[in-house]
Amino acid sequence: MRDYKHISFFCCLIFCYSCSYDKAELNVDCVSPETVSFSGDIQPVLNTHCAVSGCHSGSSPAGNLNLEPSVAYVQLMNNSSGYVDTITPIYSVLHASMNSSSDPMPPTGKLDKCTVDLILKWIQQKAKNN
């Protein structure tokens, strides 16, 4: 009988820990710069998660979107693409694709909340090439 109490206790502990973990992740306080810089804040994210071999780089990038440093800003700001919508930032293809449940970007794993918020803040600040 005693073993069942220990097992029940550990199961309850694991259940409670998992619930508190989910809540903690939702309440993450993100610290971002007052003015988000494309070259200093956004391009490093693109370099790490997007402009990698087999994705958005090279001569035939995925979705015909090259996010390498030399062309990323121009590609994102192409008016007909919708990648960046400074009027309604949450509808930007860039932002929406990071939050997609059916086809999330990057495909290697969802970006953390602070990174997604940083990119959204850059778009909200009119997506300057700074």
N, C-alpha and C. Protein backbone atom coordinates (compact mmCIF):
# COMPACT_ATOMS: atom_id res chain seq x y z
N MET A 1 0.82 -1.19 0.00
CA MET A 1 0.00 0.00 0.00
C MET A 1 0.87 1.25 0.00
N ARG A 2 1.96 1.18 0.68
CA ARG A 2 2.86 2.32 0.82
C ARG A 2 3.45 2.75 -0.53
N ASP A 3 3.77 1.79 -1.39
CA ASP A 3 4.33 2.10 -2.70
C ASP A 3 3.35 2.88 -3.55
N TYR A 4 2.07 2.58 -3.42
CA TYR A 4 1.06 3.28 -4.20
C TYR A 4 0.99 4.75 -3.81
N LYS A 5 1.20 5.04 -2.54
CA LYS A 5 1.18 6.44 -2.09
C LYS A 5 2.33 7.20 -2.73
N HIS A 6 3.52 6.59 -2.80
CA HIS A 6 4.68 7.24 -3.42
C HIS A 6 4.45 7.46 -4.90
N ILE A 7 3.91 6.45 -5.56
CA ILE A 7 3.64 6.57 -6.99
C ILE A 7 2.61 7.66 -7.24
N SER A 8 1.56 7.68 -6.43
CA SER A 8 0.54 8.72 -6.56
C SER A 8 1.13 10.10 -6.33
N PHE A 9 1.97 10.21 -5.32
CA PHE A 9 2.61 11.49 -5.01
C PHE A 9 3.46 11.96 -6.20
N PHE A 10 4.28 11.09 -6.76
CA PHE A 10 5.14 11.46 -7.88
C PHE A 10 4.34 11.80 -9.13
N CYS A 11 3.26 11.08 -9.36
CA CYS A 11 2.40 11.40 -10.50
C CYS A 11 1.78 12.78 -10.33
N CYS A 12 1.33 13.05 -9.13
CA CYS A 12 0.74 14.36 -8.84
C CYS A 12 1.79 15.46 -8.99
N LEU A 13 2.98 15.21 -8.51
CA LEU A 13 4.07 16.17 -8.62
C LEU A 13 4.40 16.47 -10.08
N ILE A 14 4.49 15.45 -10.89
CA ILE A 14 4.78 15.63 -12.32
C ILE A 14 3.66 16.40 -12.99
N PHE A 15 2.43 16.08 -12.66
CA PHE A 15 1.28 16.79 -13.23
C PHE A 15 1.32 18.27 -12.86
N CYS A 16 1.57 18.56 -11.60
CA CYS A 16 1.62 19.96 -11.15
C CYS A 16 2.79 20.71 -11.79
N TYR A 17 3.92 20.06 -11.91
CA TYR A 17 5.08 20.71 -12.53
C TYR A 17 4.79 21.05 -13.98
N SER A 18 4.17 20.12 -14.69
CA SER A 18 3.90 20.39 -16.11
C SER A 18 2.91 21.54 -16.26
N CYS A 19 1.96 21.66 -15.38
CA CYS A 19 1.00 22.76 -15.45
C CYS A 19 1.69 24.09 -15.15
N SER A 20 2.55 24.11 -14.16
CA SER A 20 3.22 25.37 -13.83
C SER A 20 4.23 25.75 -14.91
N TYR A 21 4.82 24.77 -15.57
CA TYR A 21 5.77 25.06 -16.65
C TYR A 21 5.06 25.77 -17.80
N ASP A 22 3.88 25.28 -18.19
CA ASP A 22 3.15 25.90 -19.29
C ASP A 22 2.77 27.33 -18.95
N LYS A 23 2.33 27.57 -17.74
CA LYS A 23 1.95 28.91 -17.32
C LYS A 23 3.16 29.83 -17.31
N ALA A 24 4.28 29.33 -16.87
CA ALA A 24 5.49 30.16 -16.81
C ALA A 24 5.92 30.61 -18.20
N GLU A 25 5.81 29.72 -19.18
CA GLU A 25 6.22 30.08 -20.53
C GLU A 25 5.31 31.15 -21.12
N LEU A 26 4.04 31.15 -20.75
CA LEU A 26 3.12 32.15 -21.25
C LEU A 26 3.40 33.53 -20.67
N ASN A 27 4.00 33.58 -19.50
CA ASN A 27 4.25 34.84 -18.82
C ASN A 27 5.69 35.32 -18.93
N VAL A 28 6.38 34.93 -19.97
CA VAL A 28 7.77 35.33 -20.16
C VAL A 28 7.84 36.83 -20.42
N ASP A 29 8.70 37.50 -19.67
CA ASP A 29 8.92 38.92 -19.90
C ASP A 29 10.07 39.08 -20.88
N CYS A 30 9.76 39.61 -22.04
CA CYS A 30 10.77 39.79 -23.07
C CYS A 30 11.37 41.19 -22.96
N VAL A 31 12.66 41.24 -23.04
CA VAL A 31 13.35 42.52 -23.05
C VAL A 31 13.86 42.74 -24.46
N SER A 32 13.36 43.80 -25.09
CA SER A 32 13.80 44.10 -26.45
C SER A 32 14.25 45.56 -26.50
N PRO A 33 15.08 45.87 -27.48
CA PRO A 33 15.54 47.26 -27.59
C PRO A 33 14.37 48.20 -27.90
N GLU A 34 14.54 49.44 -27.53
CA GLU A 34 13.48 50.43 -27.80
C GLU A 34 13.23 50.53 -29.30
N THR A 35 14.32 50.60 -30.07
CA THR A 35 14.23 50.62 -31.52
C THR A 35 14.89 49.35 -32.03
N VAL A 36 14.12 48.56 -32.75
CA VAL A 36 14.63 47.30 -33.28
C VAL A 36 15.39 47.58 -34.56
N SER A 37 16.58 47.01 -34.66
CA SER A 37 17.46 47.20 -35.82
C SER A 37 17.39 45.98 -36.73
N PHE A 38 17.18 46.22 -38.02
CA PHE A 38 17.17 45.09 -38.95
C PHE A 38 18.52 44.38 -38.94
N SER A 39 19.59 45.13 -39.11
CA SER A 39 20.92 44.51 -39.20
C SER A 39 21.40 43.93 -37.87
N GLY A 40 21.04 44.58 -36.77
CA GLY A 40 21.53 44.13 -35.47
C GLY A 40 20.65 43.12 -34.76
N ASP A 41 19.35 43.15 -35.03
CA ASP A 41 18.42 42.29 -34.30
C ASP A 41 17.72 41.25 -35.19
N ILE A 42 17.27 41.66 -36.37
CA ILE A 42 16.47 40.78 -37.22
C ILE A 42 17.34 39.87 -38.09
N GLN A 43 18.33 40.45 -38.77
CA GLN A 43 19.17 39.64 -39.65
C GLN A 43 19.87 38.50 -38.91
N PRO A 44 20.36 38.70 -37.68
CA PRO A 44 20.95 37.55 -36.98
C PRO A 44 19.96 36.39 -36.77
N VAL A 45 18.69 36.70 -36.53
CA VAL A 45 17.67 35.64 -36.39
C VAL A 45 17.50 34.94 -37.73
N LEU A 46 17.42 35.71 -38.80
CA LEU A 46 17.28 35.13 -40.13
C LEU A 46 18.48 34.25 -40.47
N ASN A 47 19.68 34.73 -40.13
CA ASN A 47 20.90 33.96 -40.41
C ASN A 47 20.90 32.62 -39.69
N THR A 48 20.45 32.62 -38.46
CA THR A 48 20.47 31.41 -37.64
C THR A 48 19.38 30.42 -38.00
N HIS A 49 18.18 30.93 -38.30
CA HIS A 49 17.04 30.04 -38.45
C HIS A 49 16.49 29.91 -39.87
N CYS A 50 16.82 30.85 -40.76
CA CYS A 50 16.17 30.87 -42.08
C CYS A 50 17.14 30.75 -43.25
N ALA A 51 18.20 31.54 -43.24
CA ALA A 51 19.15 31.56 -44.35
C ALA A 51 20.18 30.46 -44.17
N VAL A 52 19.69 29.25 -44.10
CA VAL A 52 20.55 28.09 -43.90
C VAL A 52 20.41 27.17 -45.12
N SER A 53 21.35 26.30 -45.28
CA SER A 53 21.35 25.39 -46.41
C SER A 53 20.05 24.60 -46.49
N GLY A 54 19.46 24.60 -47.68
CA GLY A 54 18.22 23.87 -47.89
C GLY A 54 16.97 24.67 -47.56
N CYS A 55 17.15 25.89 -47.09
CA CYS A 55 15.97 26.72 -46.76
C CYS A 55 16.01 28.00 -47.60
N HIS A 56 16.06 29.14 -46.94
CA HIS A 56 15.97 30.42 -47.64
C HIS A 56 17.35 31.00 -47.96
N SER A 57 18.11 30.23 -48.73
CA SER A 57 19.44 30.69 -49.16
C SER A 57 19.81 29.98 -50.45
N GLY A 58 20.87 30.47 -51.06
CA GLY A 58 21.36 29.83 -52.26
C GLY A 58 20.66 30.28 -53.53
N SER A 59 20.94 29.57 -54.61
CA SER A 59 20.42 29.97 -55.93
C SER A 59 18.95 29.64 -56.13
N SER A 60 18.41 28.68 -55.41
CA SER A 60 16.97 28.39 -55.50
C SER A 60 16.40 28.20 -54.09
N PRO A 61 16.20 29.33 -53.39
CA PRO A 61 15.73 29.26 -52.00
C PRO A 61 14.27 28.82 -51.90
N ALA A 62 13.91 28.26 -50.76
CA ALA A 62 12.53 27.83 -50.51
C ALA A 62 11.58 29.01 -50.68
N GLY A 63 10.47 28.76 -51.35
CA GLY A 63 9.48 29.81 -51.56
C GLY A 63 9.98 30.98 -52.38
N ASN A 64 11.10 30.79 -53.05
CA ASN A 64 11.72 31.86 -53.83
C ASN A 64 12.02 33.10 -52.97
N LEU A 65 12.31 32.86 -51.68
CA LEU A 65 12.62 33.92 -50.73
C LEU A 65 14.01 33.69 -50.18
N ASN A 66 14.94 34.53 -50.59
CA ASN A 66 16.32 34.43 -50.12
C ASN A 66 16.50 35.39 -48.95
N LEU A 67 16.91 34.86 -47.80
CA LEU A 67 17.08 35.69 -46.61
C LEU A 67 18.54 35.83 -46.19
N GLU A 68 19.44 35.66 -47.16
CA GLU A 68 20.86 35.90 -46.90
C GLU A 68 21.06 37.41 -46.69
N PRO A 69 22.07 37.81 -45.92
CA PRO A 69 22.26 39.22 -45.57
C PRO A 69 22.27 40.20 -46.74
N SER A 70 22.82 39.81 -47.86
CA SER A 70 22.94 40.75 -48.98
C SER A 70 21.60 41.08 -49.66
N VAL A 71 20.59 40.23 -49.49
CA VAL A 71 19.33 40.44 -50.20
C VAL A 71 18.08 40.35 -49.32
N ALA A 72 18.22 39.98 -48.07
CA ALA A 72 17.07 39.71 -47.21
C ALA A 72 16.11 40.90 -47.11
N TYR A 73 16.63 42.08 -46.84
CA TYR A 73 15.74 43.23 -46.64
C TYR A 73 14.93 43.52 -47.91
N VAL A 74 15.59 43.55 -49.05
CA VAL A 74 14.90 43.83 -50.31
C VAL A 74 13.84 42.76 -50.58
N GLN A 75 14.18 41.50 -50.35
CA GLN A 75 13.24 40.41 -50.58
C GLN A 75 12.02 40.53 -49.67
N LEU A 76 12.23 40.82 -48.40
CA LEU A 76 11.13 40.94 -47.45
C LEU A 76 10.23 42.14 -47.75
N MET A 77 10.82 43.22 -48.25
CA MET A 77 10.07 44.45 -48.45
C MET A 77 9.44 44.56 -49.83
N ASN A 78 9.56 43.54 -50.64
CA ASN A 78 8.91 43.53 -51.95
C ASN A 78 7.42 43.73 -51.73
N ASN A 79 6.88 44.86 -52.22
CA ASN A 79 5.49 45.24 -51.95
C ASN A 79 4.47 44.19 -52.34
N SER A 80 4.72 43.45 -53.39
CA SER A 80 3.73 42.48 -53.86
C SER A 80 3.76 41.17 -53.06
N SER A 81 4.77 40.98 -52.24
CA SER A 81 4.93 39.71 -51.53
C SER A 81 4.07 39.59 -50.28
N GLY A 82 3.84 40.68 -49.58
CA GLY A 82 3.09 40.62 -48.33
C GLY A 82 3.91 40.09 -47.16
N TYR A 83 5.19 39.83 -47.39
CA TYR A 83 6.02 39.31 -46.30
C TYR A 83 6.01 40.25 -45.11
N VAL A 84 6.05 41.56 -45.37
CA VAL A 84 6.02 42.55 -44.30
C VAL A 84 4.90 43.53 -44.60
N ASP A 85 3.96 43.61 -43.68
CA ASP A 85 2.82 44.53 -43.80
C ASP A 85 2.89 45.49 -42.62
N THR A 86 3.38 46.69 -42.87
CA THR A 86 3.54 47.66 -41.78
C THR A 86 2.22 48.32 -41.39
N ILE A 87 1.20 48.17 -42.19
CA ILE A 87 -0.13 48.71 -41.87
C ILE A 87 -0.81 47.80 -40.83
N THR A 88 -0.78 46.50 -41.10
CA THR A 88 -1.36 45.51 -40.19
C THR A 88 -0.30 44.44 -39.92
N PRO A 89 0.64 44.72 -39.03
CA PRO A 89 1.79 43.84 -38.83
C PRO A 89 1.47 42.38 -38.53
N ILE A 90 0.41 42.11 -37.79
CA ILE A 90 0.12 40.71 -37.46
C ILE A 90 -0.30 39.90 -38.68
N TYR A 91 -0.68 40.58 -39.77
CA TYR A 91 -1.03 39.88 -41.00
C TYR A 91 0.14 39.75 -41.96
N SER A 92 1.31 40.20 -41.55
CA SER A 92 2.50 40.01 -42.38
C SER A 92 2.75 38.53 -42.56
N VAL A 93 3.09 38.13 -43.77
CA VAL A 93 3.39 36.72 -44.04
C VAL A 93 4.53 36.26 -43.13
N LEU A 94 5.52 37.11 -42.92
CA LEU A 94 6.65 36.76 -42.05
C LEU A 94 6.16 36.41 -40.65
N HIS A 95 5.33 37.25 -40.07
CA HIS A 95 4.82 37.00 -38.72
C HIS A 95 3.86 35.81 -38.70
N ALA A 96 2.96 35.76 -39.64
CA ALA A 96 1.98 34.67 -39.69
C ALA A 96 2.64 33.30 -39.86
N SER A 97 3.70 33.25 -40.66
CA SER A 97 4.36 31.95 -40.89
C SER A 97 5.07 31.45 -39.64
N MET A 98 5.51 32.36 -38.78
CA MET A 98 6.15 31.94 -37.53
C MET A 98 5.12 31.43 -36.53
N ASN A 99 3.87 31.77 -36.71
CA ASN A 99 2.81 31.36 -35.78
C ASN A 99 1.87 30.32 -36.37
N SER A 100 2.16 29.84 -37.57
CA SER A 100 1.30 28.87 -38.23
C SER A 100 1.33 27.53 -37.49
N SER A 101 0.17 26.93 -37.35
CA SER A 101 0.13 25.61 -36.73
C SER A 101 0.25 24.51 -37.78
N SER A 102 -0.13 24.80 -39.03
CA SER A 102 -0.08 23.78 -40.07
C SER A 102 1.26 23.73 -40.81
N ASP A 103 1.92 24.86 -40.97
CA ASP A 103 3.19 24.91 -41.70
C ASP A 103 4.11 25.96 -41.06
N PRO A 104 4.53 25.72 -39.81
CA PRO A 104 5.30 26.75 -39.09
C PRO A 104 6.71 26.93 -39.64
N MET A 105 7.18 28.15 -39.55
CA MET A 105 8.55 28.48 -39.91
C MET A 105 9.27 28.96 -38.66
N PRO A 106 10.48 28.56 -38.47
CA PRO A 106 11.22 27.61 -39.30
C PRO A 106 10.73 26.18 -39.03
N PRO A 107 10.89 25.31 -40.02
CA PRO A 107 10.41 23.94 -39.86
C PRO A 107 11.20 23.14 -38.82
N THR A 108 12.36 23.64 -38.42
CA THR A 108 13.18 22.95 -37.42
C THR A 108 12.66 23.15 -36.01
N GLY A 109 11.71 24.05 -35.83
CA GLY A 109 11.14 24.28 -34.50
C GLY A 109 10.71 25.73 -34.34
N LYS A 110 9.63 25.92 -33.65
CA LYS A 110 9.07 27.25 -33.44
C LYS A 110 10.06 28.15 -32.71
N LEU A 111 10.13 29.39 -33.17
CA LEU A 111 10.97 30.38 -32.50
C LEU A 111 10.36 30.71 -31.14
N ASP A 112 11.20 31.09 -30.20
CA ASP A 112 10.68 31.44 -28.89
C ASP A 112 9.85 32.73 -28.96
N LYS A 113 9.00 32.91 -27.98
CA LYS A 113 8.07 34.03 -27.94
C LYS A 113 8.79 35.37 -28.04
N CYS A 114 9.92 35.51 -27.38
CA CYS A 114 10.65 36.79 -27.39
C CYS A 114 11.16 37.12 -28.79
N THR A 115 11.62 36.14 -29.52
CA THR A 115 12.11 36.36 -30.88
C THR A 115 10.96 36.75 -31.80
N VAL A 116 9.84 36.05 -31.69
CA VAL A 116 8.67 36.37 -32.50
C VAL A 116 8.19 37.79 -32.17
N ASP A 117 8.16 38.13 -30.90
CA ASP A 117 7.75 39.48 -30.48
C ASP A 117 8.72 40.55 -31.00
N LEU A 118 10.00 40.24 -31.04
CA LEU A 118 11.01 41.17 -31.55
C LEU A 118 10.75 41.45 -33.04
N ILE A 119 10.49 40.43 -33.81
CA ILE A 119 10.22 40.59 -35.24
C ILE A 119 8.93 41.38 -35.45
N LEU A 120 7.92 41.08 -34.66
CA LEU A 120 6.67 41.84 -34.76
C LEU A 120 6.90 43.31 -34.41
N LYS A 121 7.69 43.58 -33.39
CA LYS A 121 7.99 44.96 -33.00
C LYS A 121 8.70 45.70 -34.13
N TRP A 122 9.64 45.02 -34.80
CA TRP A 122 10.34 45.63 -35.94
C TRP A 122 9.34 46.01 -37.03
N ILE A 123 8.41 45.11 -37.32
CA ILE A 123 7.40 45.40 -38.34
C ILE A 123 6.52 46.56 -37.89
N GLN A 124 6.12 46.56 -36.62
CA GLN A 124 5.30 47.65 -36.08
C GLN A 124 6.01 48.99 -36.15
N GLN A 125 7.35 48.97 -36.09
CA GLN A 125 8.14 50.20 -36.19
C GLN A 125 8.43 50.55 -37.64
N LYS A 126 7.62 50.06 -38.54
CA LYS A 126 7.69 50.34 -39.98
C LYS A 126 8.83 49.65 -40.69
N ALA A 127 9.37 48.59 -40.11
CA ALA A 127 10.35 47.70 -40.76
C ALA A 127 11.48 48.46 -41.46
N LYS A 128 12.15 49.28 -40.69
CA LYS A 128 13.22 50.08 -41.27
C LYS A 128 14.48 49.26 -41.53
N ASN A 129 15.24 49.67 -42.54
CA ASN A 129 16.50 49.03 -42.86
C ASN A 129 17.59 49.76 -42.08
N ASN A 130 17.65 49.49 -40.81
CA ASN A 130 18.61 50.18 -39.93
C ASN A 130 19.59 49.21 -39.31
